[in-house]
Amino acid sequence: MNFESLNEFFAMGGHGLYVWLAYGAGGLVFLYNLAAPKLKRDGLVKRLSQQYRREKASQ
């Protein structure tokens, strides 16, 4: 596709809203898939360390 101007590129022939929302939704899913495992791992490490400290204190 050839565009005469940057504005035409963003408008995408009248389908710009759909195109850019689709790219945005895809980007959000991509970022979530990057961040979710790290957040879950950090939560698990925190819970396990708290449990370990409680068990160590009760001994």
C-alpha atoms as a PDB file:
ATOM      1  CA  MET A   1       0.000   0.000   0.000  1.00  0.00           C
ATOM      2  CA  ASN A   2       1.223   3.441  -0.875  1.00  0.00           C
ATOM      3  CA  PHE A   3       0.109   6.432   1.139  1.00  0.00           C
ATOM      4  CA  GLU A   4       0.340  10.007  -0.004  1.00  0.00           C
ATOM      5  CA  SER A   5       0.734  11.398   3.504  1.00  0.00           C
ATOM      6  CA  LEU A   6       1.203  10.382   7.101  1.00  0.00           C
ATOM      7  CA  ASN A   7      -2.429  11.270   7.803  1.00  0.00           C
ATOM      8  CA  GLU A   8      -3.556   8.785   5.127  1.00  0.00           C
ATOM      9  CA  PHE A   9      -1.345   6.163   6.725  1.00  0.00           C
ATOM     10  CA  PHE A  10      -3.021   6.621  10.120  1.00  0.00           C
ATOM     11  CA  ALA A  11      -6.498   6.708   8.535  1.00  0.00           C
ATOM     12  CA  MET A  12      -5.799   3.410   6.706  1.00  0.00           C
ATOM     13  CA  GLY A  13      -8.350   4.101   4.025  1.00  0.00           C
ATOM     14  CA  GLY A  14     -11.142   4.674   6.513  1.00  0.00           C
ATOM     15  CA  HIS A  15     -10.308   1.598   8.596  1.00  0.00           C
ATOM     16  CA  GLY A  16      -7.755   3.267  10.849  1.00  0.00           C
ATOM     17  CA  LEU A  17      -9.780   2.990  14.045  1.00  0.00           C
ATOM     18  CA  TYR A  18     -10.191  -0.762  13.648  1.00  0.00           C
ATOM     19  CA  VAL A  19      -6.577  -1.300  12.578  1.00  0.00           C
ATOM     20  CA  TRP A  20      -5.009   0.693  15.389  1.00  0.00           C
ATOM     21  CA  LEU A  21      -7.354  -0.773  18.037  1.00  0.00           C
ATOM     22  CA  ALA A  22      -6.386  -4.250  16.832  1.00  0.00           C
ATOM     23  CA  TYR A  23      -2.691  -3.379  17.070  1.00  0.00           C
ATOM     24  CA  GLY A  24      -3.260  -1.909  20.538  1.00  0.00           C
ATOM     25  CA  ALA A  25      -5.157  -4.962  21.771  1.00  0.00           C
ATOM     26  CA  GLY A  26      -2.462  -7.242  20.390  1.00  0.00           C
ATOM     27  CA  GLY A  27       0.215  -5.159  22.079  1.00  0.00           C
ATOM     28  CA  LEU A  28      -1.582  -5.324  25.420  1.00  0.00           C
ATOM     29  CA  VAL A  29      -1.885  -9.103  25.176  1.00  0.00           C
ATOM     30  CA  PHE A  30       1.802  -9.325  24.310  1.00  0.00           C
ATOM     31  CA  LEU A  31       2.797  -7.170  27.295  1.00  0.00           C
ATOM     32  CA  TYR A  32       0.539  -9.158  29.626  1.00  0.00           C
ATOM     33  CA  ASN A  33       2.136 -12.403  28.442  1.00  0.00           C
ATOM     34  CA  LEU A  34       5.547 -10.952  29.242  1.00  0.00           C
ATOM     35  CA  ALA A  35       4.630  -9.578  32.666  1.00  0.00           C
ATOM     36  CA  ALA A  36       2.261 -12.216  34.100  1.00  0.00           C
ATOM     37  CA  PRO A  37       4.811 -15.010  34.699  1.00  0.00           C
ATOM     38  CA  LYS A  38       7.203 -12.657  36.494  1.00  0.00           C
ATOM     39  CA  LEU A  39       4.435 -11.261  38.692  1.00  0.00           C
ATOM     40  CA  LYS A  40       3.221 -14.769  39.572  1.00  0.00           C
ATOM     41  CA  ARG A  41       6.769 -15.918  40.323  1.00  0.00           C
ATOM     42  CA  ASP A  42       7.419 -12.912  42.561  1.00  0.00           C
ATOM     43  CA  GLY A  43       4.201 -13.613  44.486  1.00  0.00           C
ATOM     44  CA  LEU A  44       5.110 -17.270  44.904  1.00  0.00           C
ATOM     45  CA  VAL A  45       8.618 -16.438  46.134  1.00  0.00           C
ATOM     46  CA  LYS A  46       7.169 -13.949  48.633  1.00  0.00           C
ATOM     47  CA  ARG A  47       4.601 -16.447  49.985  1.00  0.00           C
ATOM     48  CA  LEU A  48       7.174 -19.219  50.269  1.00  0.00           C
ATOM     49  CA  SER A  49       9.655 -16.993  52.092  1.00  0.00           C
ATOM     50  CA  GLN A  50       6.937 -15.896  54.528  1.00  0.00           C
ATOM     51  CA  GLN A  51       5.976 -19.512  55.129  1.00  0.00           C
ATOM     52  CA  TYR A  52       9.623 -20.452  55.659  1.00  0.00           C
ATOM     53  CA  ARG A  53      10.094 -17.622  58.196  1.00  0.00           C
ATOM     54  CA  ARG A  54       6.937 -18.693  60.093  1.00  0.00           C
ATOM     55  CA  GLU A  55       8.064 -22.317  60.217  1.00  0.00           C
ATOM     56  CA  LYS A  56      11.565 -21.285  61.301  1.00  0.00           C
ATOM     57  CA  ALA A  57      10.154 -19.051  64.080  1.00  0.00           C
ATOM     58  CA  SER A  58       7.887 -21.796  65.419  1.00  0.00           C
ATOM     59  CA  GLN A  59      10.771 -24.236  65.837  1.00  0.00           C
END
